[in-house]
Amino acid sequence: MKRTERLPAPTVVKTDEQWRAQLSKHEYDVLRRAGTERAFTGEYTDNHRVGVYKCRACDHELFRSEGKFDSHCGWPSFFTPLAGDNILERTDRSWGMSRTEILCAHCHSHLGHVFNERNGTPTNLRYCINSISLTFDEDAPS
């Protein structure tokens, strides 16, 4: 993954009107305005099927089910992205704290945040991702 404060140009470029036409109001709020969904409400929080998680906005592959774990935080959690260059990181200083925001590298949609913590995973990272930022492809090889 690329940690950056200046984002490279996205490979998927749409106008704000195009994003609004493509996404529901809640999807737009999370993906394009860095909102969040309520904890324990997302469709993939407890998903244990085998497959690939993709960016809901541009359909780019982000995470595999093998990297998902039950963190009990209320959002789908992964310990590693599918490929490091599929995700961008940047500092998020909203809400009076400093966190690391995760974005889709292809369309710059907000996915969630990553936390460095001792969680018993191979990386000790927790990619805390909004379900609404993802789609799931059960048929994809994993």
N, C-alpha and C. Protein backbone atom coordinates (compact mmCIF):
# COMPACT_ATOMS: atom_id res chain seq x y z
N MET A 1 0.83 -1.17 0.00
CA MET A 1 0.00 0.00 0.00
C MET A 1 0.87 1.23 0.00
N LYS A 2 0.37 2.28 -0.56
CA LYS A 2 1.13 3.51 -0.67
C LYS A 2 0.62 4.51 0.36
N ARG A 3 1.50 4.91 1.27
CA ARG A 3 1.12 5.95 2.24
C ARG A 3 1.50 7.28 1.62
N THR A 4 0.53 8.17 1.55
CA THR A 4 0.77 9.44 0.90
C THR A 4 -0.12 10.51 1.49
N GLU A 5 0.32 11.71 1.43
CA GLU A 5 -0.52 12.85 1.79
C GLU A 5 -0.99 13.53 0.50
N ARG A 6 -0.20 13.42 -0.55
CA ARG A 6 -0.61 13.89 -1.87
C ARG A 6 -0.98 12.66 -2.69
N LEU A 7 -2.22 12.58 -3.05
CA LEU A 7 -2.69 11.40 -3.77
C LEU A 7 -2.30 11.47 -5.25
N PRO A 8 -1.87 10.34 -5.80
CA PRO A 8 -1.66 10.30 -7.25
C PRO A 8 -3.02 10.39 -7.93
N ALA A 9 -3.03 10.71 -9.19
CA ALA A 9 -4.29 10.82 -9.92
C ALA A 9 -4.99 9.46 -9.95
N PRO A 10 -6.31 9.45 -9.74
CA PRO A 10 -7.03 8.18 -9.82
C PRO A 10 -7.11 7.69 -11.26
N THR A 11 -7.24 6.37 -11.43
CA THR A 11 -7.39 5.82 -12.78
C THR A 11 -8.85 5.80 -13.20
N VAL A 12 -9.75 5.86 -12.23
CA VAL A 12 -11.18 5.97 -12.50
C VAL A 12 -11.60 7.38 -12.12
N VAL A 13 -12.02 8.15 -13.11
CA VAL A 13 -12.37 9.55 -12.87
C VAL A 13 -13.81 9.78 -13.31
N LYS A 14 -14.61 10.31 -12.39
CA LYS A 14 -16.00 10.65 -12.68
C LYS A 14 -16.32 11.98 -12.04
N THR A 15 -17.29 12.66 -12.58
CA THR A 15 -17.74 13.91 -11.97
C THR A 15 -18.56 13.58 -10.73
N ASP A 16 -18.76 14.58 -9.91
CA ASP A 16 -19.58 14.41 -8.73
C ASP A 16 -21.00 13.96 -9.13
N GLU A 17 -21.52 14.52 -10.19
CA GLU A 17 -22.85 14.15 -10.67
C GLU A 17 -22.89 12.68 -11.10
N GLN A 18 -21.84 12.20 -11.75
CA GLN A 18 -21.78 10.80 -12.15
C GLN A 18 -21.73 9.87 -10.94
N TRP A 19 -20.95 10.24 -9.91
CA TRP A 19 -20.89 9.43 -8.70
C TRP A 19 -22.26 9.40 -8.03
N ARG A 20 -22.93 10.54 -7.96
CA ARG A 20 -24.25 10.60 -7.32
C ARG A 20 -25.28 9.75 -8.07
N ALA A 21 -25.16 9.71 -9.39
CA ALA A 21 -26.08 8.91 -10.20
C ALA A 21 -25.82 7.41 -10.02
N GLN A 22 -24.56 7.03 -9.80
CA GLN A 22 -24.17 5.63 -9.68
C GLN A 22 -24.45 5.06 -8.29
N LEU A 23 -24.25 5.86 -7.26
CA LEU A 23 -24.30 5.39 -5.88
C LEU A 23 -25.57 5.84 -5.17
N SER A 24 -26.01 5.03 -4.22
CA SER A 24 -27.13 5.47 -3.38
C SER A 24 -26.64 6.63 -2.51
N LYS A 25 -27.57 7.30 -1.86
CA LYS A 25 -27.20 8.44 -1.00
C LYS A 25 -26.23 8.01 0.09
N HIS A 26 -26.51 6.86 0.74
CA HIS A 26 -25.64 6.37 1.82
C HIS A 26 -24.28 5.93 1.26
N GLU A 27 -24.26 5.23 0.12
CA GLU A 27 -23.00 4.83 -0.51
C GLU A 27 -22.17 6.06 -0.86
N TYR A 28 -22.82 7.07 -1.41
CA TYR A 28 -22.11 8.30 -1.77
C TYR A 28 -21.52 8.96 -0.53
N ASP A 29 -22.29 9.02 0.53
CA ASP A 29 -21.81 9.65 1.77
C ASP A 29 -20.56 8.96 2.29
N VAL A 30 -20.53 7.63 2.26
CA VAL A 30 -19.37 6.90 2.78
C VAL A 30 -18.22 6.92 1.78
N LEU A 31 -18.48 6.54 0.55
CA LEU A 31 -17.41 6.39 -0.44
C LEU A 31 -16.80 7.71 -0.91
N ARG A 32 -17.62 8.72 -1.09
CA ARG A 32 -17.13 9.97 -1.68
C ARG A 32 -16.96 11.09 -0.66
N ARG A 33 -17.57 10.95 0.54
CA ARG A 33 -17.48 12.01 1.54
C ARG A 33 -16.88 11.52 2.85
N ALA A 34 -16.31 10.30 2.84
CA ALA A 34 -15.61 9.72 4.00
C ALA A 34 -16.51 9.55 5.22
N GLY A 35 -17.77 9.22 4.96
CA GLY A 35 -18.68 8.92 6.06
C GLY A 35 -18.42 7.52 6.59
N THR A 36 -19.30 7.05 7.46
CA THR A 36 -19.18 5.69 7.99
C THR A 36 -20.57 5.12 8.19
N GLU A 37 -20.65 3.81 8.18
CA GLU A 37 -21.91 3.16 8.50
C GLU A 37 -21.90 2.81 9.99
N ARG A 38 -23.06 2.63 10.56
CA ARG A 38 -23.15 2.27 11.98
C ARG A 38 -22.52 0.90 12.21
N ALA A 39 -21.89 0.74 13.34
CA ALA A 39 -21.26 -0.54 13.70
C ALA A 39 -22.31 -1.65 13.73
N PHE A 40 -21.89 -2.83 13.32
CA PHE A 40 -22.69 -4.06 13.35
C PHE A 40 -23.92 -4.01 12.44
N THR A 41 -23.92 -3.13 11.44
CA THR A 41 -25.06 -3.06 10.52
C THR A 41 -24.70 -3.46 9.10
N GLY A 42 -23.44 -3.57 8.77
CA GLY A 42 -23.02 -3.84 7.40
C GLY A 42 -23.24 -5.28 6.98
N GLU A 43 -23.49 -5.48 5.70
CA GLU A 43 -23.81 -6.82 5.20
C GLU A 43 -22.62 -7.78 5.22
N TYR A 44 -21.38 -7.28 5.29
CA TYR A 44 -20.22 -8.17 5.25
C TYR A 44 -19.53 -8.34 6.60
N THR A 45 -20.05 -7.73 7.65
CA THR A 45 -19.41 -7.83 8.96
C THR A 45 -19.22 -9.28 9.38
N ASP A 46 -20.23 -10.10 9.19
CA ASP A 46 -20.16 -11.50 9.60
C ASP A 46 -20.09 -12.46 8.41
N ASN A 47 -19.67 -11.97 7.27
CA ASN A 47 -19.56 -12.82 6.08
C ASN A 47 -18.34 -13.74 6.22
N HIS A 48 -18.55 -15.05 6.05
CA HIS A 48 -17.45 -16.02 6.16
C HIS A 48 -17.30 -16.82 4.87
N ARG A 49 -17.92 -16.37 3.79
CA ARG A 49 -17.81 -17.06 2.52
C ARG A 49 -16.44 -16.78 1.89
N VAL A 50 -16.03 -17.66 1.00
CA VAL A 50 -14.75 -17.53 0.31
C VAL A 50 -14.95 -16.71 -0.96
N GLY A 51 -14.08 -15.72 -1.16
CA GLY A 51 -14.17 -14.88 -2.35
C GLY A 51 -13.33 -13.63 -2.23
N VAL A 52 -13.66 -12.67 -3.06
CA VAL A 52 -12.91 -11.42 -3.16
C VAL A 52 -13.83 -10.25 -2.88
N TYR A 53 -13.34 -9.30 -2.08
CA TYR A 53 -14.05 -8.07 -1.79
C TYR A 53 -13.54 -7.00 -2.74
N LYS A 54 -14.48 -6.27 -3.36
CA LYS A 54 -14.14 -5.26 -4.36
C LYS A 54 -14.67 -3.90 -3.94
N CYS A 55 -14.09 -2.86 -4.52
CA CYS A 55 -14.57 -1.50 -4.29
C CYS A 55 -15.95 -1.37 -4.93
N ARG A 56 -16.92 -0.92 -4.14
CA ARG A 56 -18.28 -0.76 -4.65
C ARG A 56 -18.35 0.32 -5.73
N ALA A 57 -17.47 1.30 -5.69
CA ALA A 57 -17.54 2.40 -6.65
C ALA A 57 -16.93 2.04 -8.00
N CYS A 58 -15.82 1.27 -8.01
CA CYS A 58 -15.14 1.01 -9.29
C CYS A 58 -14.91 -0.46 -9.59
N ASP A 59 -15.31 -1.35 -8.69
CA ASP A 59 -15.22 -2.81 -8.87
C ASP A 59 -13.78 -3.33 -8.86
N HIS A 60 -12.86 -2.57 -8.30
CA HIS A 60 -11.47 -3.03 -8.24
C HIS A 60 -11.28 -3.94 -7.04
N GLU A 61 -10.55 -5.05 -7.23
CA GLU A 61 -10.32 -6.02 -6.15
C GLU A 61 -9.44 -5.41 -5.06
N LEU A 62 -9.89 -5.59 -3.80
CA LEU A 62 -9.20 -4.99 -2.66
C LEU A 62 -8.71 -6.00 -1.63
N PHE A 63 -9.58 -6.94 -1.23
CA PHE A 63 -9.26 -7.88 -0.17
C PHE A 63 -9.74 -9.28 -0.55
N ARG A 64 -9.05 -10.29 -0.05
CA ARG A 64 -9.50 -11.68 -0.18
C ARG A 64 -10.06 -12.14 1.15
N SER A 65 -10.95 -13.11 1.07
CA SER A 65 -11.57 -13.63 2.29
C SER A 65 -10.54 -14.24 3.25
N GLU A 66 -9.43 -14.75 2.72
CA GLU A 66 -8.39 -15.34 3.58
C GLU A 66 -7.75 -14.30 4.50
N GLY A 67 -7.85 -13.03 4.14
CA GLY A 67 -7.28 -11.97 4.97
C GLY A 67 -8.29 -11.34 5.92
N LYS A 68 -9.50 -11.87 5.96
CA LYS A 68 -10.55 -11.33 6.83
C LYS A 68 -10.53 -12.07 8.16
N PHE A 69 -10.82 -11.35 9.23
CA PHE A 69 -10.88 -11.98 10.55
C PHE A 69 -11.96 -11.31 11.39
N ASP A 70 -12.40 -12.00 12.42
CA ASP A 70 -13.42 -11.48 13.33
C ASP A 70 -12.75 -10.63 14.40
N SER A 71 -12.86 -9.32 14.24
CA SER A 71 -12.26 -8.42 15.22
C SER A 71 -13.29 -7.96 16.25
N HIS A 72 -14.56 -8.21 15.98
CA HIS A 72 -15.65 -7.84 16.87
C HIS A 72 -15.72 -6.33 17.07
N CYS A 73 -15.28 -5.56 16.07
CA CYS A 73 -15.32 -4.10 16.17
C CYS A 73 -16.58 -3.53 15.54
N GLY A 74 -17.34 -4.35 14.78
CA GLY A 74 -18.57 -3.87 14.18
C GLY A 74 -18.48 -3.63 12.69
N TRP A 75 -17.30 -3.75 12.12
CA TRP A 75 -17.09 -3.58 10.68
C TRP A 75 -16.24 -4.75 10.17
N PRO A 76 -16.34 -5.07 8.89
CA PRO A 76 -15.45 -6.12 8.35
C PRO A 76 -14.00 -5.72 8.58
N SER A 77 -13.19 -6.68 9.02
CA SER A 77 -11.79 -6.41 9.31
C SER A 77 -10.90 -7.37 8.54
N PHE A 78 -9.82 -6.83 8.01
CA PHE A 78 -8.86 -7.60 7.23
C PHE A 78 -7.47 -7.31 7.79
N PHE A 79 -6.55 -8.29 7.69
CA PHE A 79 -5.19 -8.02 8.17
C PHE A 79 -4.23 -7.69 7.03
N THR A 80 -4.69 -7.81 5.78
CA THR A 80 -3.85 -7.44 4.65
C THR A 80 -4.72 -7.19 3.43
N PRO A 81 -4.35 -6.22 2.59
CA PRO A 81 -5.08 -6.04 1.33
C PRO A 81 -4.65 -7.10 0.32
N LEU A 82 -5.44 -7.24 -0.73
CA LEU A 82 -5.14 -8.20 -1.79
C LEU A 82 -3.77 -7.89 -2.40
N ALA A 83 -3.54 -6.64 -2.75
CA ALA A 83 -2.25 -6.19 -3.26
C ALA A 83 -2.02 -4.79 -2.71
N GLY A 84 -0.81 -4.54 -2.29
CA GLY A 84 -0.51 -3.26 -1.65
C GLY A 84 -0.78 -2.04 -2.49
N ASP A 85 -0.66 -2.17 -3.80
CA ASP A 85 -0.86 -0.99 -4.64
C ASP A 85 -2.33 -0.75 -4.96
N ASN A 86 -3.24 -1.55 -4.43
CA ASN A 86 -4.67 -1.35 -4.64
C ASN A 86 -5.28 -0.39 -3.63
N ILE A 87 -4.50 -0.07 -2.61
CA ILE A 87 -4.99 0.78 -1.51
C ILE A 87 -4.01 1.91 -1.27
N LEU A 88 -4.56 3.08 -0.98
CA LEU A 88 -3.76 4.22 -0.57
C LEU A 88 -4.05 4.52 0.89
N GLU A 89 -3.08 5.05 1.57
CA GLU A 89 -3.25 5.48 2.96
C GLU A 89 -2.96 6.97 3.04
N ARG A 90 -3.73 7.66 3.88
CA ARG A 90 -3.42 9.06 4.17
C ARG A 90 -3.88 9.38 5.58
N THR A 91 -3.29 10.39 6.15
CA THR A 91 -3.62 10.79 7.51
C THR A 91 -4.99 11.45 7.53
N ASP A 92 -5.81 11.03 8.47
CA ASP A 92 -7.15 11.58 8.68
C ASP A 92 -7.15 12.23 10.05
N ARG A 93 -7.29 13.53 10.08
CA ARG A 93 -7.28 14.27 11.35
C ARG A 93 -8.68 14.76 11.74
N SER A 94 -9.70 14.14 11.19
CA SER A 94 -11.07 14.52 11.54
C SER A 94 -11.42 14.00 12.93
N TRP A 95 -12.46 14.54 13.51
CA TRP A 95 -12.99 14.10 14.79
C TRP A 95 -11.98 14.25 15.94
N GLY A 96 -11.03 15.18 15.81
CA GLY A 96 -10.10 15.47 16.89
C GLY A 96 -9.08 14.40 17.18
N MET A 97 -8.81 13.54 16.20
CA MET A 97 -7.81 12.48 16.39
C MET A 97 -7.04 12.29 15.09
N SER A 98 -5.96 11.56 15.16
CA SER A 98 -5.17 11.25 13.98
C SER A 98 -5.27 9.75 13.71
N ARG A 99 -5.79 9.40 12.53
CA ARG A 99 -5.94 8.00 12.12
C ARG A 99 -5.40 7.86 10.71
N THR A 100 -5.28 6.63 10.24
CA THR A 100 -4.85 6.38 8.88
C THR A 100 -6.05 5.94 8.06
N GLU A 101 -6.44 6.79 7.13
CA GLU A 101 -7.57 6.51 6.24
C GLU A 101 -7.13 5.61 5.11
N ILE A 102 -8.02 4.72 4.68
CA ILE A 102 -7.77 3.82 3.57
C ILE A 102 -8.66 4.22 2.41
N LEU A 103 -8.05 4.34 1.23
CA LEU A 103 -8.76 4.71 0.01
C LEU A 103 -8.50 3.68 -1.08
N CYS A 104 -9.46 3.48 -1.96
CA CYS A 104 -9.22 2.68 -3.15
C CYS A 104 -8.23 3.44 -4.02
N ALA A 105 -7.16 2.80 -4.43
CA ALA A 105 -6.13 3.48 -5.23
C ALA A 105 -6.63 3.82 -6.63
N HIS A 106 -7.69 3.18 -7.08
CA HIS A 106 -8.14 3.37 -8.46
C HIS A 106 -9.16 4.49 -8.62
N CYS A 107 -10.02 4.69 -7.60
CA CYS A 107 -11.04 5.74 -7.72
C CYS A 107 -11.02 6.71 -6.54
N HIS A 108 -10.13 6.47 -5.59
CA HIS A 108 -9.98 7.30 -4.39
C HIS A 108 -11.21 7.32 -3.51
N SER A 109 -12.02 6.28 -3.56
CA SER A 109 -13.16 6.18 -2.66
C SER A 109 -12.70 5.80 -1.26
N HIS A 110 -13.36 6.37 -0.27
CA HIS A 110 -13.08 6.08 1.14
C HIS A 110 -13.56 4.67 1.45
N LEU A 111 -12.70 3.88 2.08
CA LEU A 111 -13.05 2.52 2.47
C LEU A 111 -13.20 2.38 3.98
N GLY A 112 -12.33 3.03 4.72
CA GLY A 112 -12.32 2.92 6.18
C GLY A 112 -10.99 3.39 6.71
N HIS A 113 -10.48 2.70 7.73
CA HIS A 113 -9.21 3.07 8.37
C HIS A 113 -8.41 1.81 8.68
N VAL A 114 -7.10 1.97 8.86
CA VAL A 114 -6.25 0.86 9.27
C VAL A 114 -5.63 1.22 10.62
N PHE A 115 -5.56 0.21 11.47
CA PHE A 115 -5.03 0.38 12.82
C PHE A 115 -3.93 -0.65 13.05
N ASN A 116 -2.86 -0.23 13.70
CA ASN A 116 -1.77 -1.12 14.07
C ASN A 116 -2.01 -1.53 15.51
N GLU A 117 -2.30 -2.80 15.70
CA GLU A 117 -2.62 -3.28 17.04
C GLU A 117 -2.26 -4.74 17.18
N ARG A 118 -2.09 -5.19 18.36
CA ARG A 118 -1.81 -6.61 18.59
C ARG A 118 -3.14 -7.36 18.55
N ASN A 119 -3.37 -8.03 17.43
CA ASN A 119 -4.64 -8.71 17.28
C ASN A 119 -4.48 -10.19 16.91
N GLY A 120 -3.25 -10.69 16.97
CA GLY A 120 -3.02 -12.10 16.69
C GLY A 120 -3.01 -12.46 15.22
N THR A 121 -3.03 -11.47 14.34
CA THR A 121 -2.96 -11.75 12.91
C THR A 121 -1.50 -11.68 12.47
N PRO A 122 -1.20 -12.19 11.28
CA PRO A 122 0.20 -12.17 10.80
C PRO A 122 0.80 -10.77 10.68
N THR A 123 -0.03 -9.75 10.48
CA THR A 123 0.49 -8.40 10.28
C THR A 123 0.27 -7.47 11.47
N ASN A 124 -0.58 -7.88 12.41
CA ASN A 124 -1.01 -7.02 13.52
C ASN A 124 -1.64 -5.72 13.03
N LEU A 125 -2.20 -5.77 11.82
CA LEU A 125 -2.95 -4.64 11.28
C LEU A 125 -4.42 -5.01 11.24
N ARG A 126 -5.27 -4.00 11.42
CA ARG A 126 -6.71 -4.19 11.26
C ARG A 126 -7.23 -3.15 10.29
N TYR A 127 -7.52 -3.60 9.09
CA TYR A 127 -8.16 -2.76 8.09
C TYR A 127 -9.65 -2.80 8.40
N CYS A 128 -10.15 -1.76 8.97
CA CYS A 128 -11.54 -1.66 9.41
C CYS A 128 -12.31 -0.97 8.29
N ILE A 129 -13.11 -1.76 7.56
CA ILE A 129 -13.69 -1.31 6.30
C ILE A 129 -15.22 -1.26 6.40
N ASN A 130 -15.81 -0.22 5.85
CA ASN A 130 -17.26 -0.11 5.77
C ASN A 130 -17.78 -1.14 4.78
N SER A 131 -18.75 -1.96 5.18
CA SER A 131 -19.36 -2.92 4.25
C SER A 131 -19.90 -2.21 3.02
N ILE A 132 -20.47 -1.04 3.22
CA ILE A 132 -21.09 -0.32 2.12
C ILE A 132 -20.07 0.14 1.08
N SER A 133 -18.79 0.11 1.43
CA SER A 133 -17.72 0.45 0.48
C SER A 133 -17.34 -0.74 -0.39
N LEU A 134 -17.90 -1.91 -0.09
CA LEU A 134 -17.47 -3.14 -0.74
C LEU A 134 -18.60 -3.85 -1.48
N THR A 135 -18.21 -4.67 -2.43
CA THR A 135 -19.07 -5.72 -2.97
C THR A 135 -18.30 -7.02 -2.75
N PHE A 136 -18.97 -8.14 -2.89
CA PHE A 136 -18.32 -9.42 -2.64
C PHE A 136 -18.57 -10.32 -3.82
N ASP A 137 -17.49 -10.89 -4.36
CA ASP A 137 -17.57 -11.81 -5.48
C ASP A 137 -17.21 -13.21 -5.00
N GLU A 138 -18.23 -14.00 -4.75
CA GLU A 138 -18.01 -15.35 -4.24
C GLU A 138 -17.43 -16.27 -5.31
N ASP A 139 -17.63 -15.94 -6.55
CA ASP A 139 -17.15 -16.80 -7.63
C ASP A 139 -15.70 -16.55 -8.00
N ALA A 140 -15.12 -15.47 -7.52
CA ALA A 140 -13.74 -15.15 -7.86
C ALA A 140 -12.80 -16.16 -7.23
N PRO A 141 -11.74 -16.54 -7.92
CA PRO A 141 -10.76 -17.45 -7.30
C PRO A 141 -10.09 -16.75 -6.12
N SER A 142 -9.85 -17.50 -5.06
CA SER A 142 -9.19 -16.88 -3.91
C SER A 142 -8.13 -17.79 -3.35
